[in-house]
Amino acid sequence: MKVIKLKDKQEIILEYIRNGKSQRQISRETGISRETIRKYINEYEKNLVELGSIKEGDELIKVDLIDEIVKTPKYKTGKRQKRVLTDEVIDRIKFYLKENENKRLNGLSKQQKRKRIYMKL
């Protein structure tokens, strides 16, 4: 996952608005996923509509919306508990890897536990 900085977010919005580039084109040029680009553009357009509907005296709301547009991107972080890598866990991983090796040697490559190792732990 590429960490996106405020400058990247602003560049995405400027490329879309000033240069009229499509989300797909921006994605190809920056290497950032189209879903992320879509999210930033939709946020910008939503805030722009809100900004346009503000009346003369509501300067505080206008400042808040502008701050929202140019704020640094935030990432969702999981609420999972961190687990400690104990000797017991290491032994279990080695067991599953050895089990996979034996299955591969016996021609049972489709019966291996790949992603399921994580789930089992």
PDB file of N, CA and C in Angstrom:
ATOM      1  N   MET A   1       0.841  -1.176   0.000  1.00  0.00           N
ATOM      2  CA  MET A   1       0.000   0.000   0.000  1.00  0.00           C
ATOM      3  C   MET A   1       0.884   1.236   0.000  1.00  0.00           C
ATOM      4  N   LYS A   2       0.602   2.147  -0.900  1.00  0.00           N
ATOM      5  CA  LYS A   2       1.357   3.384  -1.020  1.00  0.00           C
ATOM      6  C   LYS A   2       0.763   4.410  -0.063  1.00  0.00           C
ATOM      7  N   VAL A   3       1.614   5.045   0.738  1.00  0.00           N
ATOM      8  CA  VAL A   3       1.148   6.082   1.655  1.00  0.00           C
ATOM      9  C   VAL A   3       0.995   7.367   0.855  1.00  0.00           C
ATOM     10  N   ILE A   4      -0.176   7.939   0.936  1.00  0.00           N
ATOM     11  CA  ILE A   4      -0.485   9.138   0.167  1.00  0.00           C
ATOM     12  C   ILE A   4      -0.339  10.355   1.068  1.00  0.00           C
ATOM     13  N   LYS A   5       0.409  11.318   0.585  1.00  0.00           N
ATOM     14  CA  LYS A   5       0.648  12.541   1.346  1.00  0.00           C
ATOM     15  C   LYS A   5      -0.321  13.615   0.882  1.00  0.00           C
ATOM     16  N   LEU A   6      -0.380  14.687   1.632  1.00  0.00           N
ATOM     17  CA  LEU A   6      -1.270  15.800   1.297  1.00  0.00           C
ATOM     18  C   LEU A   6      -0.964  16.327  -0.104  1.00  0.00           C
ATOM     19  N   LYS A   7       0.307  16.427  -0.449  1.00  0.00           N
ATOM     20  CA  LYS A   7       0.694  16.918  -1.771  1.00  0.00           C
ATOM     21  C   LYS A   7       0.122  16.019  -2.868  1.00  0.00           C
ATOM     22  N   ASP A   8       0.180  14.704  -2.655  1.00  0.00           N
ATOM     23  CA  ASP A   8      -0.373  13.762  -3.639  1.00  0.00           C
ATOM     24  C   ASP A   8      -1.875  13.971  -3.810  1.00  0.00           C
ATOM     25  N   LYS A   9      -2.553  14.164  -2.692  1.00  0.00           N
ATOM     26  CA  LYS A   9      -4.004  14.363  -2.724  1.00  0.00           C
ATOM     27  C   LYS A   9      -4.337  15.620  -3.507  1.00  0.00           C
ATOM     28  N   GLN A  10      -3.598  16.681  -3.269  1.00  0.00           N
ATOM     29  CA  GLN A  10      -3.843  17.928  -3.975  1.00  0.00           C
ATOM     30  C   GLN A  10      -3.526  17.789  -5.465  1.00  0.00           C
ATOM     31  N   GLU A  11      -2.449  17.073  -5.776  1.00  0.00           N
ATOM     32  CA  GLU A  11      -2.073  16.848  -7.182  1.00  0.00           C
ATOM     33  C   GLU A  11      -3.183  16.096  -7.922  1.00  0.00           C
ATOM     34  N   ILE A  12      -3.771  15.102  -7.258  1.00  0.00           N
ATOM     35  CA  ILE A  12      -4.858  14.328  -7.861  1.00  0.00           C
ATOM     36  C   ILE A  12      -6.024  15.256  -8.214  1.00  0.00           C
ATOM     37  N   ILE A  13      -6.422  16.076  -7.264  1.00  0.00           N
ATOM     38  CA  ILE A  13      -7.552  16.978  -7.485  1.00  0.00           C
ATOM     39  C   ILE A  13      -7.233  17.994  -8.585  1.00  0.00           C
ATOM     40  N   LEU A  14      -6.009  18.533  -8.586  1.00  0.00           N
ATOM     41  CA  LEU A  14      -5.628  19.513  -9.604  1.00  0.00           C
ATOM     42  C   LEU A  14      -5.564  18.891 -10.997  1.00  0.00           C
ATOM     43  N   GLU A  15      -5.038  17.678 -11.095  1.00  0.00           N
ATOM     44  CA  GLU A  15      -4.980  17.000 -12.396  1.00  0.00           C
ATOM     45  C   GLU A  15      -6.396  16.785 -12.944  1.00  0.00           C
ATOM     46  N   TYR A  16      -7.307  16.442 -12.049  1.00  0.00           N
ATOM     47  CA  TYR A  16      -8.693  16.189 -12.447  1.00  0.00           C
ATOM     48  C   TYR A  16      -9.380  17.480 -12.897  1.00  0.00           C
ATOM     49  N   ILE A  17      -9.184  18.557 -12.135  1.00  0.00           N
ATOM     50  CA  ILE A  17      -9.903  19.802 -12.405  1.00  0.00           C
ATOM     51  C   ILE A  17      -9.232  20.606 -13.523  1.00  0.00           C
ATOM     52  N   ARG A  18      -7.961  20.917 -13.362  1.00  0.00           N
ATOM     53  CA  ARG A  18      -7.280  21.806 -14.307  1.00  0.00           C
ATOM     54  C   ARG A  18      -6.981  21.133 -15.642  1.00  0.00           C
ATOM     55  N   ASN A  19      -6.523  19.902 -15.587  1.00  0.00           N
ATOM     56  CA  ASN A  19      -6.100  19.237 -16.819  1.00  0.00           C
ATOM     57  C   ASN A  19      -7.165  18.321 -17.398  1.00  0.00           C
ATOM     58  N   GLY A  20      -8.276  18.166 -16.688  1.00  0.00           N
ATOM     59  CA  GLY A  20      -9.385  17.364 -17.185  1.00  0.00           C
ATOM     60  C   GLY A  20      -9.061  15.888 -17.378  1.00  0.00           C
ATOM     61  N   LYS A  21      -8.113  15.391 -16.605  1.00  0.00           N
ATOM     62  CA  LYS A  21      -7.727  13.982 -16.740  1.00  0.00           C
ATOM     63  C   LYS A  21      -8.759  13.090 -16.079  1.00  0.00           C
ATOM     64  N   SER A  22      -8.900  11.882 -16.622  1.00  0.00           N
ATOM     65  CA  SER A  22      -9.846  10.931 -16.042  1.00  0.00           C
ATOM     66  C   SER A  22      -9.222  10.279 -14.811  1.00  0.00           C
ATOM     67  N   GLN A  23     -10.079   9.675 -14.007  1.00  0.00           N
ATOM     68  CA  GLN A  23      -9.592   8.974 -12.820  1.00  0.00           C
ATOM     69  C   GLN A  23      -8.647   7.849 -13.214  1.00  0.00           C
ATOM     70  N   ARG A  24      -8.974   7.149 -14.274  1.00  0.00           N
ATOM     71  CA  ARG A  24      -8.136   6.041 -14.740  1.00  0.00           C
ATOM     72  C   ARG A  24      -6.758   6.533 -15.171  1.00  0.00           C
ATOM     73  N   GLN A  25      -6.733   7.657 -15.884  1.00  0.00           N
ATOM     74  CA  GLN A  25      -5.467   8.214 -16.354  1.00  0.00           C
ATOM     75  C   GLN A  25      -4.602   8.668 -15.179  1.00  0.00           C
ATOM     76  N   ILE A  26      -5.220   9.318 -14.204  1.00  0.00           N
ATOM     77  CA  ILE A  26      -4.485   9.755 -13.015  1.00  0.00           C
ATOM     78  C   ILE A  26      -3.945   8.535 -12.277  1.00  0.00           C
ATOM     79  N   SER A  27      -4.747   7.492 -12.206  1.00  0.00           N
ATOM     80  CA  SER A  27      -4.331   6.262 -11.533  1.00  0.00           C
ATOM     81  C   SER A  27      -3.100   5.661 -12.201  1.00  0.00           C
ATOM     82  N   ARG A  28      -3.120   5.597 -13.519  1.00  0.00           N
ATOM     83  CA  ARG A  28      -1.977   5.041 -14.254  1.00  0.00           C
ATOM     84  C   ARG A  28      -0.717   5.872 -14.036  1.00  0.00           C
ATOM     85  N   GLU A  29      -0.865   7.184 -14.042  1.00  0.00           N
ATOM     86  CA  GLU A  29       0.301   8.067 -13.919  1.00  0.00           C
ATOM     87  C   GLU A  29       0.885   8.088 -12.506  1.00  0.00           C
ATOM     88  N   THR A  30       0.022   7.983 -11.501  1.00  0.00           N
ATOM     89  CA  THR A  30       0.499   8.098 -10.118  1.00  0.00           C
ATOM     90  C   THR A  30       0.756   6.758  -9.446  1.00  0.00           C
ATOM     91  N   GLY A  31       0.107   5.705  -9.944  1.00  0.00           N
ATOM     92  CA  GLY A  31       0.241   4.400  -9.297  1.00  0.00           C
ATOM     93  C   GLY A  31      -0.673   4.250  -8.089  1.00  0.00           C
ATOM     94  N   ILE A  32      -1.582   5.200  -7.910  1.00  0.00           N
ATOM     95  CA  ILE A  32      -2.543   5.162  -6.803  1.00  0.00           C
ATOM     96  C   ILE A  32      -3.827   4.525  -7.325  1.00  0.00           C
ATOM     97  N   SER A  33      -4.466   3.703  -6.504  1.00  0.00           N
ATOM     98  CA  SER A  33      -5.651   2.983  -6.968  1.00  0.00           C
ATOM     99  C   SER A  33      -6.770   3.942  -7.378  1.00  0.00           C
ATOM    100  N   ARG A  34      -7.560   3.503  -8.364  1.00  0.00           N
ATOM    101  CA  ARG A  34      -8.662   4.318  -8.863  1.00  0.00           C
ATOM    102  C   ARG A  34      -9.697   4.581  -7.779  1.00  0.00           C
ATOM    103  N   GLU A  35      -9.893   3.616  -6.897  1.00  0.00           N
ATOM    104  CA  GLU A  35     -10.870   3.806  -5.816  1.00  0.00           C
ATOM    105  C   GLU A  35     -10.455   4.960  -4.907  1.00  0.00           C
ATOM    106  N   THR A  36      -9.160   5.063  -4.623  1.00  0.00           N
ATOM    107  CA  THR A  36      -8.661   6.156  -3.778  1.00  0.00           C
ATOM    108  C   THR A  36      -8.834   7.488  -4.490  1.00  0.00           C
ATOM    109  N   ILE A  37      -8.502   7.513  -5.762  1.00  0.00           N
ATOM    110  CA  ILE A  37      -8.650   8.744  -6.547  1.00  0.00           C
ATOM    111  C   ILE A  37     -10.114   9.157  -6.594  1.00  0.00           C
ATOM    112  N   ARG A  38     -10.996   8.187  -6.819  1.00  0.00           N
ATOM    113  CA  ARG A  38     -12.439   8.469  -6.840  1.00  0.00           C
ATOM    114  C   ARG A  38     -12.880   9.045  -5.498  1.00  0.00           C
ATOM    115  N   LYS A  39     -12.387   8.480  -4.411  1.00  0.00           N
ATOM    116  CA  LYS A  39     -12.757   8.944  -3.076  1.00  0.00           C
ATOM    117  C   LYS A  39     -12.363  10.417  -2.886  1.00  0.00           C
ATOM    118  N   TYR A  40     -11.143  10.782  -3.267  1.00  0.00           N
ATOM    119  CA  TYR A  40     -10.679  12.154  -3.081  1.00  0.00           C
ATOM    120  C   TYR A  40     -11.446  13.132  -3.964  1.00  0.00           C
ATOM    121  N   ILE A  41     -11.725  12.733  -5.182  1.00  0.00           N
ATOM    122  CA  ILE A  41     -12.465  13.610  -6.094  1.00  0.00           C
ATOM    123  C   ILE A  41     -13.906  13.793  -5.602  1.00  0.00           C
ATOM    124  N   ASN A  42     -14.534  12.699  -5.156  1.00  0.00           N
ATOM    125  CA  ASN A  42     -15.904  12.800  -4.628  1.00  0.00           C
ATOM    126  C   ASN A  42     -15.953  13.674  -3.385  1.00  0.00           C
ATOM    127  N   GLU A  43     -14.958  13.536  -2.491  1.00  0.00           N
ATOM    128  CA  GLU A  43     -14.897  14.390  -1.295  1.00  0.00           C
ATOM    129  C   GLU A  43     -14.778  15.849  -1.702  1.00  0.00           C
ATOM    130  N   TYR A  44     -13.906  16.117  -2.671  1.00  0.00           N
ATOM    131  CA  TYR A  44     -13.696  17.484  -3.134  1.00  0.00           C
ATOM    132  C   TYR A  44     -14.989  18.064  -3.706  1.00  0.00           C
ATOM    133  N   GLU A  45     -15.650  17.304  -4.580  1.00  0.00           N
ATOM    134  CA  GLU A  45     -16.870  17.799  -5.215  1.00  0.00           C
ATOM    135  C   GLU A  45     -17.985  18.020  -4.203  1.00  0.00           C
ATOM    136  N   LYS A  46     -18.087  17.132  -3.225  1.00  0.00           N
ATOM    137  CA  LYS A  46     -19.098  17.287  -2.171  1.00  0.00           C
ATOM    138  C   LYS A  46     -18.839  18.563  -1.372  1.00  0.00           C
ATOM    139  N   ASN A  47     -17.581  18.771  -0.999  1.00  0.00           N
ATOM    140  CA  ASN A  47     -17.236  19.969  -0.238  1.00  0.00           C
ATOM    141  C   ASN A  47     -17.413  21.226  -1.075  1.00  0.00           C
ATOM    142  N   LEU A  48     -17.158  21.130  -2.361  1.00  0.00           N
ATOM    143  CA  LEU A  48     -17.329  22.267  -3.247  1.00  0.00           C
ATOM    144  C   LEU A  48     -18.799  22.679  -3.332  1.00  0.00           C
ATOM    145  N   VAL A  49     -19.681  21.693  -3.407  1.00  0.00           N
ATOM    146  CA  VAL A  49     -21.123  21.975  -3.439  1.00  0.00           C
ATOM    147  C   VAL A  49     -21.544  22.649  -2.131  1.00  0.00           C
ATOM    148  N   GLU A  50     -21.059  22.124  -1.012  1.00  0.00           N
ATOM    149  CA  GLU A  50     -21.388  22.726   0.283  1.00  0.00           C
ATOM    150  C   GLU A  50     -20.849  24.149   0.374  1.00  0.00           C
ATOM    151  N   LEU A  51     -19.651  24.347  -0.151  1.00  0.00           N
ATOM    152  CA  LEU A  51     -19.028  25.663  -0.122  1.00  0.00           C
ATOM    153  C   LEU A  51     -19.831  26.664  -0.954  1.00  0.00           C
ATOM    154  N   GLY A  52     -20.373  26.204  -2.071  1.00  0.00           N
ATOM    155  CA  GLY A  52     -21.182  27.064  -2.932  1.00  0.00           C
ATOM    156  C   GLY A  52     -22.516  27.440  -2.323  1.00  0.00           C
ATOM    157  N   SER A  53     -23.010  26.616  -1.405  1.00  0.00           N
ATOM    158  CA  SER A  53     -24.319  26.889  -0.810  1.00  0.00           C
ATOM    159  C   SER A  53     -24.225  27.730   0.463  1.00  0.00           C
ATOM    160  N   ILE A  54     -23.024  28.153   0.822  1.00  0.00           N
ATOM    161  CA  ILE A  54     -22.839  28.966   2.028  1.00  0.00           C
ATOM    162  C   ILE A  54     -23.143  30.428   1.711  1.00  0.00           C
ATOM    163  N   LYS A  55     -23.823  31.069   2.653  1.00  0.00           N
ATOM    164  CA  LYS A  55     -24.178  32.481   2.474  1.00  0.00           C
ATOM    165  C   LYS A  55     -23.015  33.376   2.907  1.00  0.00           C
ATOM    166  N   GLU A  56     -23.127  34.652   2.643  1.00  0.00           N
ATOM    167  CA  GLU A  56     -22.073  35.639   2.892  1.00  0.00           C
ATOM    168  C   GLU A  56     -21.479  35.594   4.300  1.00  0.00           C
ATOM    169  N   GLY A  57     -22.279  35.584   5.328  1.00  0.00           N
ATOM    170  CA  GLY A  57     -21.777  35.739   6.693  1.00  0.00           C
ATOM    171  C   GLY A  57     -21.177  34.493   7.329  1.00  0.00           C
ATOM    172  N   ASP A  58     -21.234  33.376   6.662  1.00  0.00           N
ATOM    173  CA  ASP A  58     -20.798  32.114   7.262  1.00  0.00           C
ATOM    174  C   ASP A  58     -19.336  31.807   6.966  1.00  0.00           C
ATOM    175  N   GLU A  59     -18.439  32.722   7.340  1.00  0.00           N
ATOM    176  CA  GLU A  59     -17.011  32.560   7.038  1.00  0.00           C
ATOM    177  C   GLU A  59     -16.392  31.372   7.784  1.00  0.00           C
ATOM    178  N   LEU A  60     -16.842  31.097   9.010  1.00  0.00           N
ATOM    179  CA  LEU A  60     -16.284  29.970   9.773  1.00  0.00           C
ATOM    180  C   LEU A  60     -16.567  28.639   9.091  1.00  0.00           C
ATOM    181  N   ILE A  61     -17.756  28.495   8.576  1.00  0.00           N
ATOM    182  CA  ILE A  61     -18.106  27.257   7.870  1.00  0.00           C
ATOM    183  C   ILE A  61     -17.260  27.135   6.606  1.00  0.00           C
ATOM    184  N   LYS A  62     -17.071  28.248   5.918  1.00  0.00           N
ATOM    185  CA  LYS A  62     -16.275  28.254   4.692  1.00  0.00           C
ATOM    186  C   LYS A  62     -14.834  27.826   5.000  1.00  0.00           C
ATOM    187  N   VAL A  63     -14.265  28.349   6.072  1.00  0.00           N
ATOM    188  CA  VAL A  63     -12.895  27.989   6.474  1.00  0.00           C
ATOM    189  C   VAL A  63     -12.821  26.507   6.830  1.00  0.00           C
ATOM    190  N   ASP A  64     -13.818  25.999   7.545  1.00  0.00           N
ATOM    191  CA  ASP A  64     -13.843  24.581   7.899  1.00  0.00           C
ATOM    192  C   ASP A  64     -13.883  23.690   6.667  1.00  0.00           C
ATOM    193  N   LEU A  65     -14.689  24.055   5.684  1.00  0.00           N
ATOM    194  CA  LEU A  65     -14.789  23.256   4.463  1.00  0.00           C
ATOM    195  C   LEU A  65     -13.488  23.286   3.664  1.00  0.00           C
ATOM    196  N   ILE A  66     -12.857  24.434   3.607  1.00  0.00           N
ATOM    197  CA  ILE A  66     -11.573  24.533   2.901  1.00  0.00           C
ATOM    198  C   ILE A  66     -10.533  23.674   3.613  1.00  0.00           C
ATOM    199  N   ASP A  67     -10.523  23.719   4.938  1.00  0.00           N
ATOM    200  CA  ASP A  67      -9.599  22.864   5.705  1.00  0.00           C
ATOM    201  C   ASP A  67      -9.868  21.391   5.429  1.00  0.00           C
ATOM    202  N   GLU A  68     -11.121  21.033   5.310  1.00  0.00           N
ATOM    203  CA  GLU A  68     -11.503  19.646   5.020  1.00  0.00           C
ATOM    204  C   GLU A  68     -10.972  19.204   3.658  1.00  0.00           C
ATOM    205  N   ILE A  69     -11.031  20.097   2.689  1.00  0.00           N
ATOM    206  CA  ILE A  69     -10.577  19.780   1.337  1.00  0.00           C
ATOM    207  C   ILE A  69      -9.069  19.527   1.316  1.00  0.00           C
ATOM    208  N   VAL A  70      -8.316  20.308   2.065  1.00  0.00           N
ATOM    209  CA  VAL A  70      -6.853  20.219   1.985  1.00  0.00           C
ATOM    210  C   VAL A  70      -6.219  19.484   3.163  1.00  0.00           C
ATOM    211  N   LYS A  71      -7.006  18.752   3.916  1.00  0.00           N
ATOM    212  CA  LYS A  71      -6.409  18.048   5.053  1.00  0.00           C
ATOM    213  C   LYS A  71      -5.674  16.787   4.594  1.00  0.00           C
ATOM    214  N   THR A  72      -4.714  16.383   5.370  1.00  0.00           N
ATOM    215  CA  THR A  72      -3.917  15.200   5.072  1.00  0.00           C
ATOM    216  C   THR A  72      -4.798  13.958   5.080  1.00  0.00           C
ATOM    217  N   PRO A  73      -4.599  13.052   4.129  1.00  0.00           N
ATOM    218  CA  PRO A  73      -5.404  11.831   4.076  1.00  0.00           C
ATOM    219  C   PRO A  73      -5.238  10.994   5.342  1.00  0.00           C
ATOM    220  N   LYS A  74      -6.322  10.365   5.765  1.00  0.00           N
ATOM    221  CA  LYS A  74      -6.282   9.490   6.930  1.00  0.00           C
ATOM    222  C   LYS A  74      -6.555   8.073   6.479  1.00  0.00           C
ATOM    223  N   TYR A  75      -5.970   7.150   7.183  1.00  0.00           N
ATOM    224  CA  TYR A  75      -6.144   5.742   6.862  1.00  0.00           C
ATOM    225  C   TYR A  75      -6.929   5.065   7.972  1.00  0.00           C
ATOM    226  N   LYS A  76      -7.775   4.140   7.568  1.00  0.00           N
ATOM    227  CA  LYS A  76      -8.517   3.367   8.547  1.00  0.00           C
ATOM    228  C   LYS A  76      -7.566   2.376   9.196  1.00  0.00           C
ATOM    229  N   THR A  77      -7.595   2.363  10.494  1.00  0.00           N
ATOM    230  CA  THR A  77      -6.759   1.395  11.193  1.00  0.00           C
ATOM    231  C   THR A  77      -7.671   0.409  11.899  1.00  0.00           C
ATOM    232  N   GLY A  78      -7.287  -0.805  11.886  1.00  0.00           N
ATOM    233  CA  GLY A  78      -8.085  -1.844  12.510  1.00  0.00           C
ATOM    234  C   GLY A  78      -8.053  -1.739  14.017  1.00  0.00           C
ATOM    235  N   LYS A  79      -9.053  -2.305  14.618  1.00  0.00           N
ATOM    236  CA  LYS A  79      -9.128  -2.288  16.077  1.00  0.00           C
ATOM    237  C   LYS A  79      -8.682  -3.631  16.642  1.00  0.00           C
ATOM    238  N   ARG A  80      -7.893  -4.356  15.824  1.00  0.00           N
ATOM    239  CA  ARG A  80      -7.419  -5.656  16.266  1.00  0.00           C
ATOM    240  C   ARG A  80      -6.411  -5.500  17.388  1.00  0.00           C
ATOM    241  N   GLN A  81      -6.400  -6.470  18.238  1.00  0.00           N
ATOM    242  CA  GLN A  81      -5.385  -6.502  19.269  1.00  0.00           C
ATOM    243  C   GLN A  81      -4.106  -7.026  18.663  1.00  0.00           C
ATOM    244  N   LYS A  82      -3.007  -6.429  19.053  1.00  0.00           N
ATOM    245  CA  LYS A  82      -1.727  -6.912  18.563  1.00  0.00           C
ATOM    246  C   LYS A  82      -1.413  -8.215  19.273  1.00  0.00           C
ATOM    247  N   ARG A  83      -0.877  -9.151  18.500  1.00  0.00           N
ATOM    248  CA  ARG A  83      -0.522 -10.436  19.076  1.00  0.00           C
ATOM    249  C   ARG A  83       0.983 -10.560  19.146  1.00  0.00           C
ATOM    250  N   VAL A  84       1.427 -11.207  20.180  1.00  0.00           N
ATOM    251  CA  VAL A  84       2.852 -11.415  20.370  1.00  0.00           C
ATOM    252  C   VAL A  84       3.241 -12.711  19.668  1.00  0.00           C
ATOM    253  N   LEU A  85       4.377 -12.674  18.989  1.00  0.00           N
ATOM    254  CA  LEU A  85       4.867 -13.863  18.311  1.00  0.00           C
ATOM    255  C   LEU A  85       5.604 -14.717  19.332  1.00  0.00           C
ATOM    256  N   THR A  86       4.908 -15.693  19.872  1.00  0.00           N
ATOM    257  CA  THR A  86       5.484 -16.563  20.893  1.00  0.00           C
ATOM    258  C   THR A  86       6.089 -17.798  20.245  1.00  0.00           C
ATOM    259  N   ASP A  87       6.823 -18.545  21.039  1.00  0.00           N
ATOM    260  CA  ASP A  87       7.410 -19.802  20.552  1.00  0.00           C
ATOM    261  C   ASP A  87       6.320 -20.777  20.128  1.00  0.00           C
ATOM    262  N   GLU A  88       5.206 -20.756  20.838  1.00  0.00           N
ATOM    263  CA  GLU A  88       4.078 -21.635  20.507  1.00  0.00           C
ATOM    264  C   GLU A  88       3.538 -21.321  19.104  1.00  0.00           C
ATOM    265  N   VAL A  89       3.413 -20.037  18.792  1.00  0.00           N
ATOM    266  CA  VAL A  89       2.916 -19.626  17.480  1.00  0.00           C
ATOM    267  C   VAL A  89       3.924 -20.012  16.398  1.00  0.00           C
ATOM    268  N   ILE A  90       5.203 -19.795  16.655  1.00  0.00           N
ATOM    269  CA  ILE A  90       6.251 -20.163  15.698  1.00  0.00           C
ATOM    270  C   ILE A  90       6.221 -21.662  15.423  1.00  0.00           C
ATOM    271  N   ASP A  91       6.067 -22.459  16.477  1.00  0.00           N
ATOM    272  CA  ASP A  91       5.992 -23.920  16.315  1.00  0.00           C
ATOM    273  C   ASP A  91       4.782 -24.312  15.468  1.00  0.00           C
ATOM    274  N   ARG A  92       3.674 -23.648  15.690  1.00  0.00           N
ATOM    275  CA  ARG A  92       2.452 -23.954  14.938  1.00  0.00           C
ATOM    276  C   ARG A  92       2.624 -23.619  13.451  1.00  0.00           C
ATOM    277  N   ILE A  93       3.260 -22.474  13.176  1.00  0.00           N
ATOM    278  CA  ILE A  93       3.525 -22.086  11.788  1.00  0.00           C
ATOM    279  C   ILE A  93       4.428 -23.116  11.121  1.00  0.00           C
ATOM    280  N   LYS A  94       5.474 -23.534  11.813  1.00  0.00           N
ATOM    281  CA  LYS A  94       6.389 -24.544  11.263  1.00  0.00           C
ATOM    282  C   LYS A  94       5.651 -25.852  10.992  1.00  0.00           C
ATOM    283  N   PHE A  95       4.723 -26.213  11.875  1.00  0.00           N
ATOM    284  CA  PHE A  95       3.934 -27.431  11.689  1.00  0.00           C
ATOM    285  C   PHE A  95       3.116 -27.351  10.398  1.00  0.00           C
ATOM    286  N   TYR A  96       2.435 -26.213  10.190  1.00  0.00           N
ATOM    287  CA  TYR A  96       1.616 -26.046   8.991  1.00  0.00           C
ATOM    288  C   TYR A  96       2.477 -26.027   7.724  1.00  0.00           C
ATOM    289  N   LEU A  97       3.630 -25.386   7.778  1.00  0.00           N
ATOM    290  CA  LEU A  97       4.514 -25.361   6.618  1.00  0.00           C
ATOM    291  C   LEU A  97       5.044 -26.750   6.289  1.00  0.00           C
ATOM    292  N   LYS A  98       5.383 -27.525   7.311  1.00  0.00           N
ATOM    293  CA  LYS A  98       5.845 -28.904   7.104  1.00  0.00           C
ATOM    294  C   LYS A  98       4.711 -29.755   6.524  1.00  0.00           C
ATOM    295  N   GLU A  99       3.502 -29.544   7.035  1.00  0.00           N
ATOM    296  CA  GLU A  99       2.328 -30.259   6.522  1.00  0.00           C
ATOM    297  C   GLU A  99       2.117 -29.932   5.039  1.00  0.00           C
ATOM    298  N   ASN A 100       2.271 -28.671   4.664  1.00  0.00           N
ATOM    299  CA  ASN A 100       2.152 -28.266   3.256  1.00  0.00           C
ATOM    300  C   ASN A 100       3.223 -28.932   2.397  1.00  0.00           C
ATOM    301  N   GLU A 101       4.434 -28.993   2.920  1.00  0.00           N
ATOM    302  CA  GLU A 101       5.537 -29.612   2.183  1.00  0.00           C
ATOM    303  C   GLU A 101       5.250 -31.081   1.916  1.00  0.00           C
ATOM    304  N   ASN A 102       4.752 -31.786   2.933  1.00  0.00           N
ATOM    305  CA  ASN A 102       4.413 -33.204   2.776  1.00  0.00           C
ATOM    306  C   ASN A 102       3.300 -33.396   1.743  1.00  0.00           C
ATOM    307  N   LYS A 103       2.303 -32.530   1.757  1.00  0.00           N
ATOM    308  CA  LYS A 103       1.208 -32.622   0.787  1.00  0.00           C
ATOM    309  C   LYS A 103       1.718 -32.372  -0.629  1.00  0.00           C
ATOM    310  N   ARG A 104       2.625 -31.401  -0.784  1.00  0.00           N
ATOM    311  CA  ARG A 104       3.205 -31.114  -2.087  1.00  0.00           C
ATOM    312  C   ARG A 104       3.976 -32.319  -2.622  1.00  0.00           C
ATOM    313  N   LEU A 105       4.744 -32.955  -1.744  1.00  0.00           N
ATOM    314  CA  LEU A 105       5.526 -34.127  -2.141  1.00  0.00           C
ATOM    315  C   LEU A 105       4.640 -35.302  -2.532  1.00  0.00           C
ATOM    316  N   ASN A 106       3.455 -35.387  -1.949  1.00  0.00           N
ATOM    317  CA  ASN A 106       2.514 -36.471  -2.249  1.00  0.00           C
ATOM    318  C   ASN A 106       1.555 -36.117  -3.386  1.00  0.00           C
ATOM    319  N   GLY A 107       1.813 -34.989  -4.050  1.00  0.00           N
ATOM    320  CA  GLY A 107       0.983 -34.605  -5.185  1.00  0.00           C
ATOM    321  C   GLY A 107      -0.347 -33.990  -4.809  1.00  0.00           C
ATOM    322  N   LEU A 108      -0.477 -33.528  -3.602  1.00  0.00           N
ATOM    323  CA  LEU A 108      -1.736 -32.917  -3.138  1.00  0.00           C
ATOM    324  C   LEU A 108      -1.575 -31.399  -3.007  1.00  0.00           C
ATOM    325  N   SER A 109      -1.097 -30.763  -4.074  1.00  0.00           N
ATOM    326  CA  SER A 109      -0.789 -29.332  -3.984  1.00  0.00           C
ATOM    327  C   SER A 109      -2.027 -28.468  -3.728  1.00  0.00           C
ATOM    328  N   LYS A 110      -3.187 -28.913  -4.185  1.00  0.00           N
ATOM    329  CA  LYS A 110      -4.395 -28.105  -3.980  1.00  0.00           C
ATOM    330  C   LYS A 110      -4.927 -28.187  -2.548  1.00  0.00           C
ATOM    331  N   GLN A 111      -4.472 -29.163  -1.804  1.00  0.00           N
ATOM    332  CA  GLN A 111      -4.955 -29.320  -0.433  1.00  0.00           C
ATOM    333  C   GLN A 111      -4.075 -28.590   0.582  1.00  0.00           C
ATOM    334  N   GLN A 112      -3.168 -27.761   0.118  1.00  0.00           N
ATOM    335  CA  GLN A 112      -2.283 -27.055   1.041  1.00  0.00           C
ATOM    336  C   GLN A 112      -3.036 -25.941   1.765  1.00  0.00           C
ATOM    337  N   LYS A 113      -2.531 -25.600   2.914  1.00  0.00           N
ATOM    338  CA  LYS A 113      -3.099 -24.487   3.677  1.00  0.00           C
ATOM    339  C   LYS A 113      -2.219 -23.275   3.423  1.00  0.00           C
ATOM    340  N   ARG A 114      -2.728 -22.347   2.672  1.00  0.00           N
ATOM    341  CA  ARG A 114      -1.956 -21.134   2.423  1.00  0.00           C
ATOM    342  C   ARG A 114      -2.523 -20.009   3.275  1.00  0.00           C
ATOM    343  N   LYS A 115      -3.607 -19.458   2.824  1.00  0.00           N
ATOM    344  CA  LYS A 115      -4.217 -18.352   3.564  1.00  0.00           C
ATOM    345  C   LYS A 115      -4.846 -18.858   4.856  1.00  0.00           C
ATOM    346  N   ARG A 116      -5.187 -20.123   4.860  1.00  0.00           N
ATOM    347  CA  ARG A 116      -5.832 -20.674   6.057  1.00  0.00           C
ATOM    348  C   ARG A 116      -4.895 -20.779   7.248  1.00  0.00           C
ATOM    349  N   ILE A 117      -3.589 -20.756   7.005  1.00  0.00           N
ATOM    350  CA  ILE A 117      -2.651 -20.791   8.121  1.00  0.00           C
ATOM    351  C   ILE A 117      -2.910 -19.587   9.019  1.00  0.00           C
ATOM    352  N   TYR A 118      -3.058 -18.431   8.406  1.00  0.00           N
ATOM    353  CA  TYR A 118      -3.333 -17.220   9.170  1.00  0.00           C
ATOM    354  C   TYR A 118      -4.618 -17.351   9.963  1.00  0.00           C
ATOM    355  N   MET A 119      -5.647 -17.890   9.307  1.00  0.00           N
ATOM    356  CA  MET A 119      -6.945 -18.033   9.971  1.00  0.00           C
ATOM    357  C   MET A 119      -6.850 -19.015  11.141  1.00  0.00           C
ATOM    358  N   LYS A 120      -6.059 -20.081  10.964  1.00  0.00           N
ATOM    359  CA  LYS A 120      -5.922 -21.082  12.025  1.00  0.00           C
ATOM    360  C   LYS A 120      -5.215 -20.519  13.246  1.00  0.00           C
ATOM    361  N   LEU A 121      -4.282 -19.619  12.991  1.00  0.00           N
ATOM    362  CA  LEU A 121      -3.515 -19.043  14.111  1.00  0.00           C
ATOM    363  C   LEU A 121      -4.413 -18.143  14.910  1.00  0.00           C
TER     364      LEU A 121
END
